[in-house]
Amino acid sequence: MTSSVSGLLDAAKDFEVTIADTPERLRAAYRLRHQVYCMERGYEPGDGTLETDRFDRRAGHALLTQRSTGRLVGTVRIVAPSGRPHDLDLPMQKLCGDVAMRALPTRATGEISRFAISKALRDASADGIPLRLGLMRGVVQLSANMGVRHWCAVMEHTLLRLLRGSGIHFQPLGPAIEFRGLRQPCWGPVDQVLGRMRDERPGVWDYVTDGGSLWPDRRLQAVAA
């Protein structure tokens, strides 16, 4: 198991994670989303060459680039809460309903969304875990920048299983729903998710948090104090 995790991490390091903090980088993220969500999967209308929605205005975006080619191969976003009392106004709200969403803290919950990986890289990898770990590193960095303390998402069961194998555990948020196939609404406090990852897969935690610099382990800080 140790050697397999080491191999995953070596593969993940072949990719560079950057924040889409310029108009050019944002357009690159929207173009890849159009390729994946509109052209390849048919999930969204294929109008033009960019895939965007109203939530992008209050979202942070991360990019994953293949170091050897400089090619953009993945992107992910975190949608920040609306800031309105008792209303997160997140994309998954229309799927899960207000009752389920009320279980989440309204001030610091962000939704992981538009988790997109280029088809060429998906086809070349058995499970895409190195790419997903790279995008999760982007999620951690975005969360720190945005003050997000809780994650929520709607994920395929296969993806949740693969993430669990890397020590990344989310909690169910109500029953599974039918949305482009059977999917599971889920959530997790960031400290809890990353703390368990550090216990189960310290090498993965080291990569995803850049040795704790992106998201320090507060348990270790408490011991040091």
Protein backbone atom coordinates (compact mmCIF):
# COMPACT_ATOMS: atom_id res chain seq x y z
CA MET A 1 0.00 0.00 0.00
CA THR A 2 2.83 2.39 0.86
CA SER A 3 4.50 1.88 -2.51
CA SER A 4 1.22 2.38 -4.39
CA VAL A 5 0.55 5.64 -2.54
CA SER A 6 4.10 6.74 -3.28
CA GLY A 7 3.50 6.06 -6.97
CA LEU A 8 0.28 8.08 -6.93
CA LEU A 9 2.07 11.02 -5.35
CA ASP A 10 4.95 10.84 -7.82
CA ALA A 11 2.39 10.92 -10.65
CA ALA A 12 0.49 13.81 -9.04
CA LYS A 13 3.67 15.86 -8.90
CA ASP A 14 3.84 15.75 -12.69
CA PHE A 15 1.05 18.34 -12.62
CA GLU A 16 1.14 21.97 -11.48
CA VAL A 17 -1.73 23.54 -9.54
CA THR A 18 -2.43 27.23 -10.05
CA ILE A 19 -5.21 29.60 -9.04
CA ALA A 20 -7.21 31.17 -11.87
CA ASP A 21 -6.59 34.72 -10.71
CA THR A 22 -6.47 36.48 -14.09
CA PRO A 23 -9.05 36.88 -16.88
CA GLU A 24 -6.89 34.69 -19.14
CA ARG A 25 -6.75 31.85 -16.62
CA LEU A 26 -10.48 32.08 -15.99
CA ARG A 27 -11.22 31.82 -19.70
CA ALA A 28 -8.95 28.78 -19.87
CA ALA A 29 -10.97 27.16 -17.06
CA TYR A 30 -14.26 27.97 -18.80
CA ARG A 31 -12.95 26.55 -22.11
CA LEU A 32 -11.96 23.27 -20.48
CA ARG A 33 -15.33 23.09 -18.74
CA HIS A 34 -17.01 23.58 -22.11
CA GLN A 35 -14.95 20.75 -23.56
CA VAL A 36 -15.76 18.37 -20.69
CA TYR A 37 -19.30 19.33 -19.68
CA CYS A 38 -20.73 20.40 -23.04
CA MET A 39 -18.85 18.58 -25.80
CA GLU A 40 -17.78 15.31 -24.14
CA ARG A 41 -20.56 14.62 -21.65
CA GLY A 42 -23.46 16.74 -22.87
CA TYR A 43 -24.29 17.89 -19.35
CA GLU A 44 -24.62 21.57 -20.23
CA PRO A 45 -25.72 23.48 -23.37
CA GLY A 46 -22.87 23.82 -25.85
CA ASP A 47 -23.29 27.50 -26.66
CA GLY A 48 -20.04 29.11 -27.78
CA THR A 49 -16.69 27.92 -26.42
CA LEU A 50 -17.00 28.80 -22.71
CA GLU A 51 -19.13 27.10 -20.02
CA THR A 52 -20.16 29.47 -17.23
CA ASP A 53 -23.09 30.05 -14.88
CA ARG A 54 -24.22 32.62 -12.34
CA PHE A 55 -22.25 30.99 -9.52
CA ASP A 56 -18.90 31.75 -11.15
CA ARG A 57 -19.15 35.35 -9.93
CA ARG A 58 -18.58 34.22 -6.34
CA ALA A 59 -16.42 31.19 -6.96
CA GLY A 60 -12.69 30.54 -6.77
CA HIS A 61 -11.16 28.47 -9.55
CA ALA A 62 -8.06 26.27 -9.69
CA LEU A 63 -6.24 24.90 -12.73
CA LEU A 64 -4.20 21.73 -13.21
CA THR A 65 -1.46 21.84 -15.87
CA GLN A 66 0.71 19.01 -17.13
CA ARG A 67 4.30 20.08 -16.51
CA SER A 68 5.81 18.20 -19.46
CA THR A 69 3.50 19.76 -22.06
CA GLY A 70 2.15 22.92 -20.42
CA ARG A 71 -1.33 21.72 -21.34
CA LEU A 72 -4.32 22.50 -19.13
CA VAL A 73 -5.78 19.15 -18.07
CA GLY A 74 -8.11 19.90 -15.16
CA THR A 75 -10.08 22.54 -13.33
CA VAL A 76 -12.27 22.80 -10.24
CA ARG A 77 -14.11 25.58 -8.45
CA ILE A 78 -15.44 26.34 -5.00
CA VAL A 79 -18.63 28.37 -4.84
CA ALA A 80 -18.76 30.65 -1.80
CA PRO A 81 -21.98 31.00 0.22
CA SER A 82 -24.28 33.88 -0.65
CA GLY A 83 -23.65 35.75 2.60
CA ARG A 84 -27.39 35.96 3.22
CA PRO A 85 -28.65 34.65 6.58
CA HIS A 86 -30.14 31.16 6.38
CA ASP A 87 -29.55 30.84 2.62
CA LEU A 88 -26.33 29.36 1.23
CA ASP A 89 -27.60 29.62 -2.39
CA LEU A 90 -25.25 26.94 -3.69
CA PRO A 91 -25.69 24.93 -6.93
CA MET A 92 -26.62 21.70 -5.13
CA GLN A 93 -29.44 23.39 -3.21
CA LYS A 94 -31.95 22.86 -6.01
CA LEU A 95 -31.11 19.14 -5.99
CA CYS A 96 -31.05 18.49 -2.25
CA GLY A 97 -33.71 20.91 -1.06
CA ASP A 98 -33.62 23.50 1.68
CA VAL A 99 -34.07 21.01 4.53
CA ALA A 100 -30.82 19.18 3.84
CA MET A 101 -28.90 22.39 3.22
CA ARG A 102 -30.01 23.87 6.54
CA ALA A 103 -27.78 21.30 8.26
CA LEU A 104 -24.72 23.16 6.92
CA PRO A 105 -23.15 26.28 8.48
CA THR A 106 -24.22 29.29 6.42
CA ARG A 107 -21.13 31.45 6.87
CA ALA A 108 -18.24 29.22 5.88
CA THR A 109 -19.56 26.44 3.62
CA GLY A 110 -18.34 26.26 0.03
CA GLU A 111 -19.44 23.82 -2.67
CA ILE A 112 -16.83 21.89 -4.64
CA SER A 113 -18.11 22.01 -8.19
CA ARG A 114 -17.16 21.67 -11.88
CA PHE A 115 -14.56 18.98 -11.09
CA ALA A 116 -13.37 18.58 -14.70
CA ILE A 117 -10.51 16.51 -16.16
CA SER A 118 -9.56 16.38 -19.83
CA LYS A 119 -10.81 13.24 -21.59
CA ALA A 120 -7.34 12.43 -22.96
CA LEU A 121 -5.95 12.22 -19.43
CA ARG A 122 -8.99 10.35 -18.09
CA ASP A 123 -8.56 7.71 -20.80
CA ALA A 124 -4.82 7.39 -20.14
CA SER A 125 -5.28 6.72 -16.40
CA ALA A 126 -6.99 3.75 -14.77
CA ASP A 127 -8.66 5.83 -12.09
CA GLY A 128 -7.38 9.40 -12.47
CA ILE A 129 -6.43 9.61 -8.80
CA PRO A 130 -3.18 11.60 -9.38
CA LEU A 131 -5.21 14.19 -11.27
CA ARG A 132 -7.91 14.25 -8.61
CA LEU A 133 -5.30 14.71 -5.88
CA GLY A 134 -3.94 17.66 -7.83
CA LEU A 135 -7.39 19.20 -8.03
CA MET A 136 -7.94 18.54 -4.31
CA ARG A 137 -4.74 20.46 -3.61
CA GLY A 138 -6.31 23.32 -5.55
CA VAL A 139 -9.48 22.95 -3.47
CA VAL A 140 -7.45 23.24 -0.25
CA GLN A 141 -5.65 26.35 -1.47
CA LEU A 142 -8.88 27.98 -2.62
CA SER A 143 -10.55 27.17 0.70
CA ALA A 144 -7.76 28.84 2.65
CA ASN A 145 -7.91 31.91 0.41
CA MET A 146 -11.70 32.18 0.64
CA GLY A 147 -12.17 31.37 4.32
CA VAL A 148 -14.15 28.20 3.54
CA ARG A 149 -14.28 25.89 6.59
CA HIS A 150 -16.79 23.28 5.38
CA TRP A 151 -17.04 21.51 2.03
CA CYS A 152 -20.14 20.18 0.33
CA ALA A 153 -20.60 18.54 -3.06
CA VAL A 154 -22.68 16.13 -5.12
CA MET A 155 -20.41 13.27 -6.20
CA GLU A 156 -20.56 9.97 -8.02
CA HIS A 157 -20.20 6.97 -5.70
CA THR A 158 -17.18 5.83 -7.72
CA LEU A 159 -15.40 9.12 -7.07
CA LEU A 160 -16.20 8.98 -3.36
CA ARG A 161 -14.77 5.45 -3.21
CA LEU A 162 -11.58 6.50 -4.99
CA LEU A 163 -11.16 9.50 -2.70
CA ARG A 164 -11.64 7.30 0.37
CA GLY A 165 -8.78 5.15 -0.87
CA SER A 166 -6.59 8.25 -0.63
CA GLY A 167 -7.81 9.07 2.89
CA ILE A 168 -10.33 11.70 1.77
CA HIS A 169 -13.66 11.03 3.49
CA PHE A 170 -16.94 12.93 3.10
CA GLN A 171 -20.13 12.41 5.09
CA PRO A 172 -23.49 11.75 3.37
CA LEU A 173 -25.92 14.65 3.33
CA GLY A 174 -29.24 12.90 2.95
CA PRO A 175 -30.02 10.07 0.50
CA ALA A 176 -28.51 9.57 -2.94
CA ILE A 177 -30.25 11.46 -5.74
CA GLU A 178 -30.73 10.98 -9.46
CA PHE A 179 -28.72 13.66 -11.26
CA ARG A 180 -26.85 12.62 -14.39
CA GLY A 181 -26.85 9.18 -12.81
CA LEU A 182 -27.03 8.24 -9.15
CA ARG A 183 -25.05 10.69 -7.02
CA GLN A 184 -24.47 11.32 -3.33
CA PRO A 185 -24.81 14.74 -1.71
CA CYS A 186 -22.05 14.97 0.89
CA TRP A 187 -20.15 17.35 3.11
CA GLY A 188 -17.29 17.56 5.59
CA PRO A 189 -15.56 20.09 7.88
CA VAL A 190 -12.23 20.87 6.23
CA ASP A 191 -10.25 20.40 9.46
CA GLN A 192 -11.86 17.00 9.99
CA VAL A 193 -11.38 15.80 6.41
CA LEU A 194 -7.73 16.85 6.33
CA GLY A 195 -7.05 15.63 9.87
CA ARG A 196 -8.29 12.15 9.02
CA MET A 197 -6.29 12.25 5.79
CA ARG A 198 -3.15 13.00 7.78
CA ASP A 199 -3.82 10.04 10.09
CA GLU A 200 -4.58 7.55 7.28
CA ARG A 201 -2.44 8.81 4.40
CA PRO A 202 0.25 11.19 5.70
CA GLY A 203 1.96 11.28 2.30
CA VAL A 204 -1.27 12.36 0.60
CA TRP A 205 -1.85 14.98 3.30
CA ASP A 206 1.69 16.29 2.80
CA TYR A 207 1.08 16.72 -0.94
CA VAL A 208 -2.48 18.08 -0.77
CA THR A 209 -1.61 20.65 1.92
CA ASP A 210 1.99 21.26 0.75
CA GLY A 211 3.35 20.02 4.04
CA GLY A 212 0.71 21.94 5.99
CA SER A 213 1.57 25.33 4.51
CA LEU A 214 -1.75 25.53 2.64
CA TRP A 215 -3.81 24.29 5.61
CA PRO A 216 -1.94 23.79 8.92
CA ASP A 217 -3.01 20.87 11.11
CA ARG A 218 -4.48 22.64 14.14
CA ARG A 219 -4.06 19.56 16.31
CA LEU A 220 -0.30 19.78 15.87
CA GLN A 221 -0.39 23.50 16.59
CA ALA A 222 -2.23 22.82 19.84
CA VAL A 223 0.39 20.26 20.91
CA ALA A 224 3.22 22.64 20.05
CA ALA A 225 1.60 25.42 22.07
